[in-house]
C-alpha cells in the first residue's frame, strides 16, 4: 500500500534535489507495484499522472524542465474534505472563512518551490 502523502513527499524530494530522477523513478516503481490492490484511488490517480509525465519525458516529448514543472503542479494543490458534524472555521495568514461539513476544496501551495 502506498499513500498519497508518501508520493507527494517523494516528488518534493526530487524537486528539492534530494533525489535524482533515476532514484525517484526507481522508488515510484517499487512502491506503486500492485497498488491497484490496496491503495486509495487518489494515490492511484496521482501515480498515473506522474507516470504519464515520466513517459512523456522518457520519449522526448517533454524536457526535464517541463517534467519538473508538471510534477510541481501535481504537488502544489491537494484536495481536502472537511467531514465534521458542524461548521469549521479555517484561518490562514490571509483570511478566515467558515466551511460547511463535507465541503471539498483545493489548497494551492504556490510558494513552495519559488
Protein backbone atom coordinates (compact mmCIF):
# COMPACT_ATOMS: atom_id res chain seq x y z
CA UNK A 1 0.00 0.00 0.00
CA UNK A 2 1.23 3.45 -0.88
CA UNK A 3 -0.35 6.63 0.42
CA UNK A 4 -0.78 9.88 -1.46
CA UNK A 5 1.23 11.66 1.24
CA UNK A 6 4.25 9.39 0.57
CA UNK A 7 4.04 10.05 -3.15
CA UNK A 8 3.84 13.80 -2.68
CA UNK A 9 6.82 13.71 -0.30
CA UNK A 10 8.87 11.75 -2.84
CA UNK A 11 8.04 14.25 -5.59
CA UNK A 12 9.04 17.12 -3.30
CA UNK A 13 12.34 15.34 -2.52
CA UNK A 14 13.08 15.04 -6.23
CA UNK A 15 12.14 18.67 -6.91
CA UNK A 16 14.30 19.82 -3.99
CA UNK A 17 17.30 17.94 -5.40
CA UNK A 18 17.41 15.43 -2.55
CA UNK A 19 16.87 12.56 -5.03
CA UNK A 20 17.94 12.09 -8.62
CA UNK A 21 15.31 11.43 -11.27
CA UNK A 22 16.52 7.82 -11.55
CA UNK A 23 16.22 7.34 -7.78
CA UNK A 24 12.72 8.84 -7.82
CA UNK A 25 11.62 6.62 -10.72
CA UNK A 26 13.03 3.51 -9.00
CA UNK A 27 11.28 4.41 -5.74
CA UNK A 28 7.98 5.01 -7.53
CA UNK A 29 8.18 1.74 -9.48
CA UNK A 30 8.90 -0.28 -6.33
CA UNK A 31 6.29 1.40 -4.13
CA UNK A 32 3.49 1.57 -6.68
CA UNK A 33 3.73 -2.06 -7.87
CA UNK A 34 0.27 -3.65 -7.48
CA UNK A 35 -1.06 -0.50 -5.80
CA UNK A 36 -4.39 -1.10 -7.52
CA UNK A 37 -4.96 -3.88 -4.97
CA UNK A 38 -4.79 -1.83 -1.79
CA UNK A 39 -4.16 1.89 -2.33
CA UNK A 40 -6.64 4.75 -2.24
CA UNK A 41 -7.99 5.97 -5.59
CA UNK A 42 -6.41 9.39 -5.01
CA UNK A 43 -2.95 7.77 -4.70
CA UNK A 44 -3.58 5.69 -7.82
CA UNK A 45 -4.65 8.79 -9.74
CA UNK A 46 -1.57 10.74 -8.64
CA UNK A 47 0.79 7.91 -9.63
CA UNK A 48 -0.95 7.64 -13.00
CA UNK A 49 -0.37 11.34 -13.68
CA UNK A 50 3.27 11.08 -12.57
CA UNK A 51 3.88 8.00 -14.72
CA UNK A 52 2.37 9.75 -17.74
CA UNK A 53 4.65 12.76 -17.21
CA UNK A 54 7.67 10.47 -16.81
CA UNK A 55 6.77 8.58 -20.01
CA UNK A 56 6.44 11.84 -21.94
CA UNK A 57 9.87 12.89 -20.66
CA UNK A 58 11.44 9.49 -21.46
CA UNK A 59 10.05 9.60 -25.00
CA UNK A 60 11.43 13.09 -25.60
CA UNK A 61 8.05 14.84 -25.61
CA UNK A 62 8.95 16.90 -22.52
CA UNK A 63 12.18 18.49 -21.38
CA UNK A 64 13.32 17.91 -17.80
CA UNK A 65 12.24 21.46 -17.03
CA UNK A 66 8.74 20.72 -18.34
CA UNK A 67 8.68 17.48 -16.35
CA UNK A 68 9.68 19.31 -13.17
CA UNK A 69 7.02 21.97 -13.76
CA UNK A 70 4.34 19.33 -14.27
CA UNK A 71 5.38 17.40 -11.15
CA UNK A 72 5.42 20.67 -9.21
CA UNK A 73 1.86 21.40 -10.32
CA UNK A 74 0.78 17.96 -9.09
CA UNK A 75 2.04 18.59 -5.56
CA UNK A 76 1.13 22.28 -5.31
CA UNK A 77 -2.55 21.50 -4.91
CA UNK A 78 -4.11 18.99 -2.58
CA UNK A 79 -7.78 18.19 -2.11
CA UNK A 80 -9.20 18.37 1.40
CA UNK A 81 -12.60 17.16 2.54
CA UNK A 82 -13.89 18.51 5.83
CA UNK A 83 -16.11 15.87 7.40
CA UNK A 84 -17.34 17.40 10.62
CA UNK A 85 -20.79 17.43 12.21
CA UNK A 86 -20.64 21.21 12.47
CA UNK A 87 -19.14 24.06 10.51
CA UNK A 88 -15.40 24.56 10.82
CA UNK A 89 -13.56 27.85 10.64
CA UNK A 90 -10.41 27.78 8.52
CA UNK A 91 -7.94 30.56 9.16
CA UNK A 92 -4.87 31.32 7.07
CA UNK A 93 -2.46 34.23 7.11
CA UNK A 94 -4.69 35.95 4.56
CA UNK A 95 -8.27 35.21 5.52
CA UNK A 96 -10.72 33.36 7.69
CA UNK A 97 -13.74 31.51 6.38
CA UNK A 98 -16.40 29.14 7.59
CA UNK A 99 -16.54 25.75 5.89
CA UNK A 100 -19.67 23.60 5.74
CA UNK A 101 -19.48 19.92 6.71
CA UNK A 102 -18.27 17.60 3.92
CA UNK A 103 -17.25 20.56 1.77
CA UNK A 104 -14.47 19.76 -0.70
CA UNK A 105 -11.88 22.39 -1.52
CA UNK A 106 -8.42 22.57 -3.03
CA UNK A 107 -5.44 24.11 -1.30
CA UNK A 108 -2.77 25.54 -3.59
CA UNK A 109 0.73 25.82 -2.21
CA UNK A 110 2.23 28.05 -4.88
CA UNK A 111 5.12 29.48 -2.88
CA UNK A 112 6.77 26.15 -2.01
CA UNK A 113 9.21 25.95 -4.94
CA UNK A 114 9.63 29.59 -5.90
